[in-house]
Amino acid sequence: WNQRIFIASMSNPWTLNSTRVLISSPKYDWEMSGTNVNEGPEGLISPNGNLFITYSASGCSTDNYCLGLLSLQENGDPLNSSHWSKSSTPAFSKNTTNGAYGPGHNGFFMSLDETEYWIIYHANNHTNQGCGGTRNPRIQKFTWDATGFPNFGSPLPIETPIQKPSGET
């Protein structure tokens, strides 16, 4: 089977008011480990207003489950599939040295004082743990590169002390 990502305009949270448009299908080897998967899209707007969508790729039963990245061209129409570009490499993937296997299904938030960007995701501590109850939530700060793209870095070791997001007491 093949999981894909579509987008559509909505008139409210439960009603589509446009035809759905396919914007991403698995095409790279790193998106097809175990099963052909593009799932769990999460929107992200850069400080300069660019729109990105992260998504989980490959089967969650594999250590290769990871995050891909779609970007909308400047002044692009989100409902025009040709205005989206897919990164040819994962945006965030396993780090065996740091004990982070299959990082995926992420979200984003800003610190209370809106000076820091954070990613939250889940990963396994050990190889071959799959989609079950061993996945654990993790957070870490991320930055933006000079071209306005997110730089998520690499998953940190689970025992890494994380300072509270800026502005929290």
Protein backbone atom coordinates (compact mmCIF):
# COMPACT_ATOMS: atom_id res chain seq x y z
CA TRP A 1 0.00 0.00 0.00
CA ASN A 2 0.99 3.61 -0.43
CA GLN A 3 0.18 6.47 1.98
CA ARG A 4 0.11 9.92 0.40
CA ILE A 5 -0.54 13.50 1.47
CA PHE A 6 -3.33 15.63 0.02
CA ILE A 7 -4.34 19.23 0.69
CA ALA A 8 -7.67 21.01 0.23
CA SER A 9 -9.28 24.32 1.09
CA MET A 10 -11.83 24.21 3.90
CA SER A 11 -14.78 26.43 4.72
CA ASN A 12 -14.71 25.29 8.37
CA PRO A 13 -12.88 22.56 10.35
CA TRP A 14 -15.08 19.78 8.94
CA THR A 15 -16.05 20.89 5.40
CA LEU A 16 -13.88 20.82 2.27
CA ASN A 17 -14.68 23.53 -0.26
CA SER A 18 -12.21 22.46 -2.93
CA THR A 19 -11.07 19.28 -4.60
CA ARG A 20 -8.25 17.60 -2.74
CA VAL A 21 -4.81 17.93 -4.35
CA LEU A 22 -2.01 15.37 -4.05
CA ILE A 23 1.17 17.10 -2.83
CA SER A 24 3.35 14.17 -1.72
CA SER A 25 3.79 10.47 -2.49
CA PRO A 26 6.69 8.25 -1.42
CA LYS A 27 9.34 8.36 -4.15
CA TYR A 28 12.71 8.18 -2.39
CA ASP A 29 14.16 4.99 -0.89
CA TRP A 30 14.16 6.61 2.58
CA GLU A 31 10.35 6.98 2.31
CA MET A 32 9.82 3.31 1.48
CA SER A 33 11.53 1.32 4.23
CA GLY A 34 9.05 -1.31 5.40
CA THR A 35 6.08 0.36 3.70
CA ASN A 36 5.61 3.30 1.33
CA VAL A 37 4.55 6.04 3.73
CA ASN A 38 4.03 9.80 3.74
CA GLU A 39 1.81 10.50 6.78
CA GLY A 40 1.17 12.82 9.69
CA PRO A 41 1.66 16.17 7.93
CA GLU A 42 2.43 19.11 10.20
CA GLY A 43 2.54 22.71 8.99
CA LEU A 44 5.34 25.12 9.92
CA ILE A 45 5.69 28.79 9.03
CA SER A 46 9.21 30.26 9.08
CA PRO A 47 10.01 33.65 10.64
CA ASN A 48 10.05 35.13 7.13
CA GLY A 49 6.64 33.64 6.26
CA ASN A 50 7.61 30.58 4.19
CA LEU A 51 5.32 27.55 4.50
CA PHE A 52 6.69 24.07 5.15
CA ILE A 53 5.08 20.73 5.87
CA THR A 54 6.92 17.99 7.70
CA TYR A 55 5.66 14.42 7.44
CA SER A 56 6.60 10.98 8.67
CA ALA A 57 8.09 8.65 6.07
CA SER A 58 8.65 4.87 5.86
CA GLY A 59 7.00 2.28 8.05
CA CYS A 60 6.94 3.00 11.79
CA SER A 61 7.90 -0.64 12.31
CA THR A 62 11.40 0.19 11.03
CA ASP A 63 14.30 2.09 12.57
CA ASN A 64 14.25 4.19 9.38
CA TYR A 65 10.97 5.96 10.17
CA CYS A 66 11.90 9.62 9.76
CA LEU A 67 10.69 13.11 8.86
CA GLY A 68 10.50 14.50 5.35
CA LEU A 69 10.03 18.14 4.36
CA LEU A 70 7.85 19.84 1.76
CA SER A 71 8.26 23.53 0.98
CA LEU A 72 5.89 25.86 -0.81
CA GLN A 73 7.55 28.18 -3.32
CA GLU A 74 7.53 31.90 -2.46
CA ASN A 75 4.05 33.36 -3.16
CA GLY A 76 2.96 29.85 -4.21
CA ASP A 77 -0.57 28.51 -4.21
CA PRO A 78 -0.84 25.65 -1.68
CA LEU A 79 -3.52 24.03 -3.87
CA ASN A 80 -1.17 23.87 -6.87
CA SER A 81 0.90 20.69 -6.53
CA SER A 82 3.64 22.07 -8.80
CA HIS A 83 4.30 24.84 -6.25
CA TRP A 84 5.48 22.29 -3.67
CA SER A 85 9.03 20.90 -3.51
CA LYS A 86 10.13 17.81 -1.61
CA SER A 87 13.56 17.54 -0.01
CA SER A 88 15.51 14.63 -1.47
CA THR A 89 16.88 13.64 1.95
CA PRO A 90 15.18 13.27 5.33
CA ALA A 91 14.86 16.44 7.40
CA PHE A 92 15.23 14.47 10.66
CA SER A 93 16.23 10.82 11.00
CA LYS A 94 17.62 8.17 13.33
CA ASN A 95 20.81 8.72 15.27
CA THR A 96 22.11 5.34 16.42
CA THR A 97 24.92 6.90 18.47
CA ASN A 98 22.35 8.91 20.44
CA GLY A 99 19.87 6.04 20.84
CA ALA A 100 17.16 7.60 18.67
CA TYR A 101 15.51 5.10 16.33
CA GLY A 102 12.55 5.89 14.10
CA PRO A 103 11.92 9.54 15.03
CA GLY A 104 8.60 10.68 13.66
CA HIS A 105 5.13 12.16 14.13
CA ASN A 106 6.18 15.58 15.19
CA GLY A 107 4.70 18.91 16.18
CA PHE A 108 6.07 22.39 16.73
CA PHE A 109 5.76 25.08 19.36
CA MET A 110 7.43 28.35 20.31
CA SER A 111 8.74 29.32 23.71
CA LEU A 112 6.46 31.51 25.81
CA ASP A 113 8.54 34.58 24.99
CA GLU A 114 8.47 33.61 21.28
CA THR A 115 12.27 33.59 20.93
CA GLU A 116 12.80 29.84 20.47
CA TYR A 117 11.38 27.22 18.10
CA TRP A 118 10.91 23.68 19.38
CA ILE A 119 10.14 20.32 17.80
CA ILE A 120 8.36 17.53 19.66
CA TYR A 121 8.51 13.99 18.26
CA HIS A 122 8.65 10.38 19.34
CA ALA A 123 11.45 7.86 18.95
CA ASN A 124 12.63 4.52 20.33
CA ASN A 125 15.72 4.14 22.52
CA HIS A 126 16.86 0.90 20.88
CA THR A 127 16.83 -0.77 17.48
CA ASN A 128 13.93 -2.94 16.28
CA GLN A 129 11.33 -1.62 18.75
CA GLY A 130 8.84 -0.68 16.02
CA CYS A 131 5.50 1.09 16.51
CA GLY A 132 4.64 -0.25 19.95
CA GLY A 133 4.62 1.19 23.43
CA THR A 134 8.38 1.76 23.67
CA ARG A 135 8.30 5.01 21.69
CA ASN A 136 8.83 8.00 23.92
CA PRO A 137 8.20 11.73 23.43
CA ARG A 138 11.19 14.03 23.04
CA ILE A 139 11.65 17.75 22.52
CA GLN A 140 14.52 19.91 21.40
CA LYS A 141 15.13 23.38 20.04
CA PHE A 142 15.67 23.96 16.34
CA THR A 143 16.89 26.87 14.26
CA TRP A 144 16.54 28.30 10.77
CA ASP A 145 19.31 28.34 8.16
CA ALA A 146 20.35 31.38 6.11
CA THR A 147 17.93 30.44 3.30
CA GLY A 148 14.94 30.30 5.67
CA PHE A 149 14.69 26.50 5.91
CA PRO A 150 14.28 24.75 9.27
CA ASN A 151 17.37 23.07 10.69
CA PHE A 152 16.14 20.37 13.07
CA GLY A 153 19.62 19.02 13.73
CA SER A 154 19.84 15.43 14.91
CA PRO A 155 17.88 13.66 17.65
CA LEU A 156 19.56 14.16 21.01
CA PRO A 157 20.32 11.32 23.44
CA ILE A 158 17.32 10.63 25.69
CA GLU A 159 19.33 11.47 28.82
CA THR A 160 20.33 14.94 27.54
CA PRO A 161 19.21 17.61 30.02
CA ILE A 162 16.89 20.07 28.27
CA GLN A 163 16.49 23.59 29.61
CA LYS A 164 12.93 24.84 29.83
CA PRO A 165 11.76 26.83 26.83
CA SER A 166 12.61 30.50 27.22
CA GLY A 167 10.10 32.50 29.24
CA GLU A 168 8.96 29.59 31.44
CA THR A 169 9.57 29.74 35.16
